[in-house]
Amino acid sequence: PQEFSAAIKPDYQLEFEGFKVCSMLLVPLKIQG
């Protein structure tokens, strides 16, 4: 969680506070590319 938190941009830190996220997978939602 500490390494993940350190990798998050400061603007988004509050979004992840308290979640203790260790890994995250992000995939795009695309319409016609």
PDB file of all heavy atoms in Angstrom:
ATOM      1  N   PRO A   1       0.815  -1.218   0.000  1.00  0.00           N
ATOM      2  CA  PRO A   1       0.000   0.000   0.000  1.00  0.00           C
ATOM      3  C   PRO A   1       0.847   1.266   0.000  1.00  0.00           C
ATOM      4  O   PRO A   1       0.508   2.246  -0.654  1.00  0.00           O
ATOM      5  CB  PRO A   1      -0.822  -0.109   1.283  1.00  0.00           C
ATOM      6  CG  PRO A   1      -0.906  -1.566   1.555  1.00  0.00           C
ATOM      7  CD  PRO A   1       0.416  -2.130   1.064  1.00  0.00           C
ATOM      8  N   GLN A   2       1.976   1.238   0.703  1.00  0.00           N
ATOM      9  CA  GLN A   2       2.843   2.409   0.766  1.00  0.00           C
ATOM     10  C   GLN A   2       3.460   2.709  -0.601  1.00  0.00           C
ATOM     11  O   GLN A   2       3.523   3.870  -1.017  1.00  0.00           O
ATOM     12  CB  GLN A   2       3.951   2.210   1.814  1.00  0.00           C
ATOM     13  CG  GLN A   2       3.450   2.094   3.231  1.00  0.00           C
ATOM     14  CD  GLN A   2       2.880   0.711   3.561  1.00  0.00           C
ATOM     15  OE1 GLN A   2       3.127  -0.278   2.876  1.00  0.00           O
ATOM     16  NE2 GLN A   2       2.089   0.648   4.625  1.00  0.00           N
ATOM     17  N   GLU A   3       3.920   1.666  -1.301  1.00  0.00           N
ATOM     18  CA  GLU A   3       4.511   1.860  -2.623  1.00  0.00           C
ATOM     19  C   GLU A   3       3.456   2.334  -3.618  1.00  0.00           C
ATOM     20  O   GLU A   3       3.723   3.207  -4.439  1.00  0.00           O
ATOM     21  CB  GLU A   3       5.147   0.567  -3.130  1.00  0.00           C
ATOM     22  CG  GLU A   3       6.423   0.194  -2.423  1.00  0.00           C
ATOM     23  CD  GLU A   3       6.962  -1.143  -2.885  1.00  0.00           C
ATOM     24  OE1 GLU A   3       6.169  -2.077  -3.090  1.00  0.00           O
ATOM     25  OE2 GLU A   3       8.187  -1.231  -3.042  1.00  0.00           O
ATOM     26  N   PHE A   4       2.265   1.767  -3.527  1.00  0.00           N
ATOM     27  CA  PHE A   4       1.191   2.194  -4.419  1.00  0.00           C
ATOM     28  C   PHE A   4       0.849   3.655  -4.167  1.00  0.00           C
ATOM     29  O   PHE A   4       0.730   4.441  -5.095  1.00  0.00           O
ATOM     30  CB  PHE A   4      -0.047   1.314  -4.245  1.00  0.00           C
ATOM     31  CG  PHE A   4      -1.135   1.637  -5.221  1.00  0.00           C
ATOM     32  CD1 PHE A   4      -1.107   1.113  -6.495  1.00  0.00           C
ATOM     33  CD2 PHE A   4      -2.175   2.471  -4.869  1.00  0.00           C
ATOM     34  CE1 PHE A   4      -2.098   1.417  -7.417  1.00  0.00           C
ATOM     35  CE2 PHE A   4      -3.174   2.786  -5.782  1.00  0.00           C
ATOM     36  CZ  PHE A   4      -3.131   2.250  -7.061  1.00  0.00           C
ATOM     37  N   SER A   5       0.709   4.027  -2.921  1.00  0.00           N
ATOM     38  CA  SER A   5       0.372   5.396  -2.551  1.00  0.00           C
ATOM     39  C   SER A   5       1.439   6.367  -3.054  1.00  0.00           C
ATOM     40  O   SER A   5       1.124   7.442  -3.536  1.00  0.00           O
ATOM     41  CB  SER A   5       0.213   5.520  -1.041  1.00  0.00           C
ATOM     42  OG  SER A   5      -0.145   6.821  -0.686  1.00  0.00           O
ATOM     43  N   ALA A   6       2.701   5.977  -2.947  1.00  0.00           N
ATOM     44  CA  ALA A   6       3.795   6.841  -3.397  1.00  0.00           C
ATOM     45  C   ALA A   6       3.778   7.029  -4.912  1.00  0.00           C
ATOM     46  O   ALA A   6       4.266   8.042  -5.417  1.00  0.00           O
ATOM     47  CB  ALA A   6       5.136   6.254  -2.965  1.00  0.00           C
ATOM     48  N   ALA A   7       3.186   6.072  -5.654  1.00  0.00           N
ATOM     49  CA  ALA A   7       3.151   6.152  -7.109  1.00  0.00           C
ATOM     50  C   ALA A   7       1.989   6.997  -7.624  1.00  0.00           C
ATOM     51  O   ALA A   7       1.951   7.341  -8.799  1.00  0.00           O
ATOM     52  CB  ALA A   7       3.055   4.740  -7.695  1.00  0.00           C
ATOM     53  N   ILE A   8       1.045   7.351  -6.757  1.00  0.00           N
ATOM     54  CA  ILE A   8      -0.129   8.127  -7.163  1.00  0.00           C
ATOM     55  C   ILE A   8       0.221   9.610  -7.203  1.00  0.00           C
ATOM     56  O   ILE A   8       0.885  10.126  -6.306  1.00  0.00           O
ATOM     57  CB  ILE A   8      -1.302   7.904  -6.178  1.00  0.00           C
ATOM     58  CG1 ILE A   8      -1.674   6.428  -6.110  1.00  0.00           C
ATOM     59  CG2 ILE A   8      -2.499   8.763  -6.539  1.00  0.00           C
ATOM     60  CD1 ILE A   8      -2.211   5.865  -7.388  1.00  0.00           C
ATOM     61  N   LYS A   9      -0.249  10.301  -8.213  1.00  0.00           N
ATOM     62  CA  LYS A   9      -0.031  11.736  -8.305  1.00  0.00           C
ATOM     63  C   LYS A   9      -0.652  12.419  -7.082  1.00  0.00           C
ATOM     64  O   LYS A   9      -1.718  12.009  -6.616  1.00  0.00           O
ATOM     65  CB  LYS A   9      -0.684  12.302  -9.565  1.00  0.00           C
ATOM     66  CG  LYS A   9       0.002  11.908 -10.834  1.00  0.00           C
ATOM     67  CD  LYS A   9      -0.674  12.563 -12.016  1.00  0.00           C
ATOM     68  CE  LYS A   9       0.017  12.194 -13.304  1.00  0.00           C
ATOM     69  NZ  LYS A   9      -0.620  12.832 -14.461  1.00  0.00           N
ATOM     70  N   PRO A  10       0.001  13.457  -6.574  1.00  0.00           N
ATOM     71  CA  PRO A  10      -0.511  14.142  -5.377  1.00  0.00           C
ATOM     72  C   PRO A  10      -1.966  14.604  -5.507  1.00  0.00           C
ATOM     73  O   PRO A  10      -2.715  14.555  -4.546  1.00  0.00           O
ATOM     74  CB  PRO A  10       0.427  15.342  -5.215  1.00  0.00           C
ATOM     75  CG  PRO A  10       1.695  14.915  -5.872  1.00  0.00           C
ATOM     76  CD  PRO A  10       1.279  14.018  -7.019  1.00  0.00           C
ATOM     77  N   ASP A  11      -2.389  14.994  -6.713  1.00  0.00           N
ATOM     78  CA  ASP A  11      -3.763  15.455  -6.913  1.00  0.00           C
ATOM     79  C   ASP A  11      -4.790  14.360  -6.622  1.00  0.00           C
ATOM     80  O   ASP A  11      -5.950  14.654  -6.334  1.00  0.00           O
ATOM     81  CB  ASP A  11      -3.970  15.942  -8.345  1.00  0.00           C
ATOM     82  CG  ASP A  11      -3.165  17.183  -8.659  1.00  0.00           C
ATOM     83  OD1 ASP A  11      -2.633  17.809  -7.716  1.00  0.00           O
ATOM     84  OD2 ASP A  11      -3.061  17.531  -9.845  1.00  0.00           O
ATOM     85  N   TYR A  12      -4.372  13.095  -6.710  1.00  0.00           N
ATOM     86  CA  TYR A  12      -5.296  11.981  -6.532  1.00  0.00           C
ATOM     87  C   TYR A  12      -5.119  11.247  -5.202  1.00  0.00           C
ATOM     88  O   TYR A  12      -5.823  10.271  -4.943  1.00  0.00           O
ATOM     89  CB  TYR A  12      -5.149  10.985  -7.685  1.00  0.00           C
ATOM     90  CG  TYR A  12      -5.392  11.614  -9.029  1.00  0.00           C
ATOM     91  CD1 TYR A  12      -4.345  11.767  -9.927  1.00  0.00           C
ATOM     92  CD2 TYR A  12      -6.651  12.069  -9.395  1.00  0.00           C
ATOM     93  CE1 TYR A  12      -4.555  12.360 -11.167  1.00  0.00           C
ATOM     94  CE2 TYR A  12      -6.866  12.662 -10.630  1.00  0.00           C
ATOM     95  CZ  TYR A  12      -5.814  12.798 -11.514  1.00  0.00           C
ATOM     96  OH  TYR A  12      -6.018  13.379 -12.728  1.00  0.00           O
ATOM     97  N   GLN A  13      -4.202  11.709  -4.388  1.00  0.00           N
ATOM     98  CA  GLN A  13      -3.921  11.026  -3.120  1.00  0.00           C
ATOM     99  C   GLN A  13      -5.175  10.868  -2.252  1.00  0.00           C
ATOM    100  O   GLN A  13      -5.396   9.831  -1.671  1.00  0.00           O
ATOM    101  CB  GLN A  13      -2.840  11.770  -2.334  1.00  0.00           C
ATOM    102  CG  GLN A  13      -1.445  11.602  -2.876  1.00  0.00           C
ATOM    103  CD  GLN A  13      -0.898  10.208  -2.696  1.00  0.00           C
ATOM    104  OE1 GLN A  13      -1.277   9.494  -1.793  1.00  0.00           O
ATOM    105  NE2 GLN A  13      -0.008   9.826  -3.583  1.00  0.00           N
ATOM    106  N   LEU A  14      -6.000  11.922  -2.159  1.00  0.00           N
ATOM    107  CA  LEU A  14      -7.193  11.852  -1.316  1.00  0.00           C
ATOM    108  C   LEU A  14      -8.160  10.780  -1.780  1.00  0.00           C
ATOM    109  O   LEU A  14      -8.870  10.178  -0.960  1.00  0.00           O
ATOM    110  CB  LEU A  14      -7.894  13.210  -1.265  1.00  0.00           C
ATOM    111  CG  LEU A  14      -7.172  14.295  -0.478  1.00  0.00           C
ATOM    112  CD1 LEU A  14      -7.931  15.612  -0.578  1.00  0.00           C
ATOM    113  CD2 LEU A  14      -6.998  13.889   0.975  1.00  0.00           C
ATOM    114  N   GLU A  15      -8.203  10.505  -3.074  1.00  0.00           N
ATOM    115  CA  GLU A  15      -9.097   9.478  -3.601  1.00  0.00           C
ATOM    116  C   GLU A  15      -8.738   8.087  -3.075  1.00  0.00           C
ATOM    117  O   GLU A  15      -9.598   7.229  -2.954  1.00  0.00           O
ATOM    118  CB  GLU A  15      -9.054   9.457  -5.134  1.00  0.00           C
ATOM    119  CG  GLU A  15      -9.498  10.728  -5.780  1.00  0.00           C
ATOM    120  CD  GLU A  15     -10.974  11.024  -5.569  1.00  0.00           C
ATOM    121  OE1 GLU A  15     -11.764  10.073  -5.504  1.00  0.00           O
ATOM    122  OE2 GLU A  15     -11.310  12.206  -5.452  1.00  0.00           O
ATOM    123  N   PHE A  16      -7.463   7.874  -2.789  1.00  0.00           N
ATOM    124  CA  PHE A  16      -7.008   6.555  -2.396  1.00  0.00           C
ATOM    125  C   PHE A  16      -6.724   6.411  -0.909  1.00  0.00           C
ATOM    126  O   PHE A  16      -6.435   5.323  -0.443  1.00  0.00           O
ATOM    127  CB  PHE A  16      -5.758   6.170  -3.201  1.00  0.00           C
ATOM    128  CG  PHE A  16      -6.046   5.978  -4.656  1.00  0.00           C
ATOM    129  CD1 PHE A  16      -5.817   6.988  -5.565  1.00  0.00           C
ATOM    130  CD2 PHE A  16      -6.584   4.791  -5.105  1.00  0.00           C
ATOM    131  CE1 PHE A  16      -6.099   6.819  -6.908  1.00  0.00           C
ATOM    132  CE2 PHE A  16      -6.871   4.603  -6.444  1.00  0.00           C
ATOM    133  CZ  PHE A  16      -6.627   5.624  -7.338  1.00  0.00           C
ATOM    134  N   GLU A  17      -6.812   7.510  -0.180  1.00  0.00           N
ATOM    135  CA  GLU A  17      -6.574   7.450   1.261  1.00  0.00           C
ATOM    136  C   GLU A  17      -7.562   6.495   1.912  1.00  0.00           C
ATOM    137  O   GLU A  17      -8.742   6.518   1.639  1.00  0.00           O
ATOM    138  CB  GLU A  17      -6.737   8.838   1.892  1.00  0.00           C
ATOM    139  CG  GLU A  17      -5.434   9.495   2.220  1.00  0.00           C
ATOM    140  CD  GLU A  17      -5.639  10.829   2.907  1.00  0.00           C
ATOM    141  OE1 GLU A  17      -6.511  10.941   3.777  1.00  0.00           O
ATOM    142  OE2 GLU A  17      -4.911  11.751   2.530  1.00  0.00           O
ATOM    143  N   GLY A  18      -7.059   5.635   2.765  1.00  0.00           N
ATOM    144  CA  GLY A  18      -7.927   4.715   3.485  1.00  0.00           C
ATOM    145  C   GLY A  18      -8.231   3.431   2.739  1.00  0.00           C
ATOM    146  O   GLY A  18      -8.744   2.488   3.326  1.00  0.00           O
ATOM    147  N   PHE A  19      -7.918   3.360   1.450  1.00  0.00           N
ATOM    148  CA  PHE A  19      -8.220   2.154   0.693  1.00  0.00           C
ATOM    149  C   PHE A  19      -7.134   1.089   0.819  1.00  0.00           C
ATOM    150  O   PHE A  19      -7.386  -0.077   0.597  1.00  0.00           O
ATOM    151  CB  PHE A  19      -8.430   2.470  -0.789  1.00  0.00           C
ATOM    152  CG  PHE A  19      -9.747   3.107  -1.078  1.00  0.00           C
ATOM    153  CD1 PHE A  19      -9.813   4.436  -1.433  1.00  0.00           C
ATOM    154  CD2 PHE A  19     -10.918   2.386  -0.987  1.00  0.00           C
ATOM    155  CE1 PHE A  19     -11.032   5.037  -1.705  1.00  0.00           C
ATOM    156  CE2 PHE A  19     -12.137   2.967  -1.253  1.00  0.00           C
ATOM    157  CZ  PHE A  19     -12.200   4.305  -1.611  1.00  0.00           C
ATOM    158  N   LYS A  20      -5.920   1.482   1.119  1.00  0.00           N
ATOM    159  CA  LYS A  20      -4.790   0.555   1.237  1.00  0.00           C
ATOM    160  C   LYS A  20      -4.636  -0.299  -0.027  1.00  0.00           C
ATOM    161  O   LYS A  20      -4.460  -1.503   0.035  1.00  0.00           O
ATOM    162  CB  LYS A  20      -4.946  -0.351   2.462  1.00  0.00           C
ATOM    163  CG  LYS A  20      -5.172   0.377   3.753  1.00  0.00           C
ATOM    164  CD  LYS A  20      -3.879   0.881   4.335  1.00  0.00           C
ATOM    165  CE  LYS A  20      -4.080   1.377   5.737  1.00  0.00           C
ATOM    166  NZ  LYS A  20      -3.973   2.795   5.876  1.00  0.00           N
ATOM    167  N   VAL A  21      -4.724   0.335  -1.198  1.00  0.00           N
ATOM    168  CA  VAL A  21      -4.635  -0.365  -2.470  1.00  0.00           C
ATOM    169  C   VAL A  21      -3.208  -0.824  -2.715  1.00  0.00           C
ATOM    170  O   VAL A  21      -2.268  -0.055  -2.585  1.00  0.00           O
ATOM    171  CB  VAL A  21      -5.109   0.547  -3.618  1.00  0.00           C
ATOM    172  CG1 VAL A  21      -4.896  -0.111  -4.964  1.00  0.00           C
ATOM    173  CG2 VAL A  21      -6.568   0.913  -3.423  1.00  0.00           C
ATOM    174  N   CYS A  22      -3.046  -2.115  -3.073  1.00  0.00           N
ATOM    175  CA  CYS A  22      -1.729  -2.665  -3.386  1.00  0.00           C
ATOM    176  C   CYS A  22      -1.489  -2.773  -4.883  1.00  0.00           C
ATOM    177  O   CYS A  22      -0.360  -2.694  -5.333  1.00  0.00           O
ATOM    178  CB  CYS A  22      -1.575  -4.047  -2.766  1.00  0.00           C
ATOM    179  SG  CYS A  22      -1.470  -3.992  -0.978  1.00  0.00           S
ATOM    180  N   SER A  23      -2.549  -3.006  -5.648  1.00  0.00           N
ATOM    181  CA  SER A  23      -2.401  -3.024  -7.097  1.00  0.00           C
ATOM    182  C   SER A  23      -3.728  -2.628  -7.730  1.00  0.00           C
ATOM    183  O   SER A  23      -4.786  -2.788  -7.131  1.00  0.00           O
ATOM    184  CB  SER A  23      -1.932  -4.390  -7.609  1.00  0.00           C
ATOM    185  OG  SER A  23      -2.967  -5.323  -7.641  1.00  0.00           O
ATOM    186  N   MET A  24      -3.630  -2.100  -8.929  1.00  0.00           N
ATOM    187  CA  MET A  24      -4.820  -1.653  -9.628  1.00  0.00           C
ATOM    188  C   MET A  24      -4.662  -1.959 -11.109  1.00  0.00           C
ATOM    189  O   MET A  24      -3.587  -1.799 -11.673  1.00  0.00           O
ATOM    190  CB  MET A  24      -5.031  -0.157  -9.423  1.00  0.00           C
ATOM    191  CG  MET A  24      -6.292   0.360 -10.071  1.00  0.00           C
ATOM    192  SD  MET A  24      -6.624   2.074  -9.659  1.00  0.00           S
ATOM    193  CE  MET A  24      -7.292   1.857  -8.018  1.00  0.00           C
ATOM    194  N   LEU A  25      -5.747  -2.424 -11.697  1.00  0.00           N
ATOM    195  CA  LEU A  25      -5.797  -2.688 -13.131  1.00  0.00           C
ATOM    196  C   LEU A  25      -6.794  -1.715 -13.738  1.00  0.00           C
ATOM    197  O   LEU A  25      -7.927  -1.608 -13.268  1.00  0.00           O
ATOM    198  CB  LEU A  25      -6.247  -4.135 -13.379  1.00  0.00           C
ATOM    199  CG  LEU A  25      -6.493  -4.568 -14.810  1.00  0.00           C
ATOM    200  CD1 LEU A  25      -5.213  -4.477 -15.631  1.00  0.00           C
ATOM    201  CD2 LEU A  25      -7.041  -5.975 -14.840  1.00  0.00           C
ATOM    202  N   LEU A  26      -6.368  -0.984 -14.741  1.00  0.00           N
ATOM    203  CA  LEU A  26      -7.219  -0.012 -15.424  1.00  0.00           C
ATOM    204  C   LEU A  26      -7.344  -0.414 -16.882  1.00  0.00           C
ATOM    205  O   LEU A  26      -6.336  -0.695 -17.537  1.00  0.00           O
ATOM    206  CB  LEU A  26      -6.620   1.391 -15.341  1.00  0.00           C
ATOM    207  CG  LEU A  26      -6.347   1.924 -13.945  1.00  0.00           C
ATOM    208  CD1 LEU A  26      -5.449   3.141 -14.007  1.00  0.00           C
ATOM    209  CD2 LEU A  26      -7.641   2.250 -13.251  1.00  0.00           C
ATOM    210  N   VAL A  27      -8.577  -0.457 -17.391  1.00  0.00           N
ATOM    211  CA  VAL A  27      -8.800  -0.747 -18.806  1.00  0.00           C
ATOM    212  C   VAL A  27      -9.716   0.332 -19.376  1.00  0.00           C
ATOM    213  O   VAL A  27     -10.599   0.838 -18.682  1.00  0.00           O
ATOM    214  CB  VAL A  27      -9.396  -2.150 -19.039  1.00  0.00           C
ATOM    215  CG1 VAL A  27      -8.402  -3.240 -18.654  1.00  0.00           C
ATOM    216  CG2 VAL A  27     -10.690  -2.342 -18.281  1.00  0.00           C
ATOM    217  N   PRO A  28      -9.498   0.695 -20.635  1.00  0.00           N
ATOM    218  CA  PRO A  28     -10.282   1.789 -21.216  1.00  0.00           C
ATOM    219  C   PRO A  28     -11.687   1.355 -21.627  1.00  0.00           C
ATOM    220  O   PRO A  28     -11.910   0.223 -22.051  1.00  0.00           O
ATOM    221  CB  PRO A  28      -9.466   2.186 -22.443  1.00  0.00           C
ATOM    222  CG  PRO A  28      -8.769   0.931 -22.845  1.00  0.00           C
ATOM    223  CD  PRO A  28      -8.472   0.211 -21.556  1.00  0.00           C
ATOM    224  N   LEU A  29     -12.620   2.289 -21.492  1.00  0.00           N
ATOM    225  CA  LEU A  29     -13.955   2.162 -22.076  1.00  0.00           C
ATOM    226  C   LEU A  29     -13.873   2.947 -23.379  1.00  0.00           C
ATOM    227  O   LEU A  29     -13.643   4.155 -23.364  1.00  0.00           O
ATOM    228  CB  LEU A  29     -15.015   2.792 -21.172  1.00  0.00           C
ATOM    229  CG  LEU A  29     -15.326   2.070 -19.881  1.00  0.00           C
ATOM    230  CD1 LEU A  29     -16.039   3.009 -18.923  1.00  0.00           C
ATOM    231  CD2 LEU A  29     -16.174   0.859 -20.148  1.00  0.00           C
ATOM    232  N   LYS A  30     -14.035   2.264 -24.513  1.00  0.00           N
ATOM    233  CA  LYS A  30     -13.875   2.928 -25.809  1.00  0.00           C
ATOM    234  C   LYS A  30     -15.136   2.779 -26.649  1.00  0.00           C
ATOM    235  O   LYS A  30     -15.746   1.720 -26.682  1.00  0.00           O
ATOM    236  CB  LYS A  30     -12.713   2.320 -26.592  1.00  0.00           C
ATOM    237  CG  LYS A  30     -11.359   2.623 -26.021  1.00  0.00           C
ATOM    238  CD  LYS A  30     -10.286   2.071 -26.931  1.00  0.00           C
ATOM    239  CE  LYS A  30      -8.908   2.450 -26.437  1.00  0.00           C
ATOM    240  NZ  LYS A  30      -7.875   1.932 -27.346  1.00  0.00           N
ATOM    241  N   ILE A  31     -15.488   3.876 -27.312  1.00  0.00           N
ATOM    242  CA  ILE A  31     -16.558   3.877 -28.299  1.00  0.00           C
ATOM    243  C   ILE A  31     -15.939   4.346 -29.598  1.00  0.00           C
ATOM    244  O   ILE A  31     -15.405   5.459 -29.669  1.00  0.00           O
ATOM    245  CB  ILE A  31     -17.724   4.795 -27.883  1.00  0.00           C
ATOM    246  CG1 ILE A  31     -18.377   4.287 -26.595  1.00  0.00           C
ATOM    247  CG2 ILE A  31     -18.738   4.912 -29.012  1.00  0.00           C
ATOM    248  CD1 ILE A  31     -19.467   5.200 -26.051  1.00  0.00           C
ATOM    249  N   GLN A  32     -15.987   3.491 -30.601  1.00  0.00           N
ATOM    250  CA  GLN A  32     -15.402   3.781 -31.911  1.00  0.00           C
ATOM    251  C   GLN A  32     -13.963   4.280 -31.781  1.00  0.00           C
ATOM    252  O   GLN A  32     -13.577   5.280 -32.388  1.00  0.00           O
ATOM    253  CB  GLN A  32     -16.272   4.775 -32.679  1.00  0.00           C
ATOM    254  CG  GLN A  32     -17.650   4.243 -32.978  1.00  0.00           C
ATOM    255  CD  GLN A  32     -18.524   5.232 -33.701  1.00  0.00           C
ATOM    256  OE1 GLN A  32     -18.239   6.427 -33.752  1.00  0.00           O
ATOM    257  NE2 GLN A  32     -19.609   4.742 -34.273  1.00  0.00           N
ATOM    258  N   GLY A  33     -13.179   3.607 -30.965  1.00  0.00           N
ATOM    259  CA  GLY A  33     -11.778   3.948 -30.792  1.00  0.00           C
ATOM    260  C   GLY A  33     -11.497   5.132 -29.893  1.00  0.00           C
ATOM    261  O   GLY A  33     -10.343   5.430 -29.604  1.00  0.00           O
TER     262      GLY A  33
END
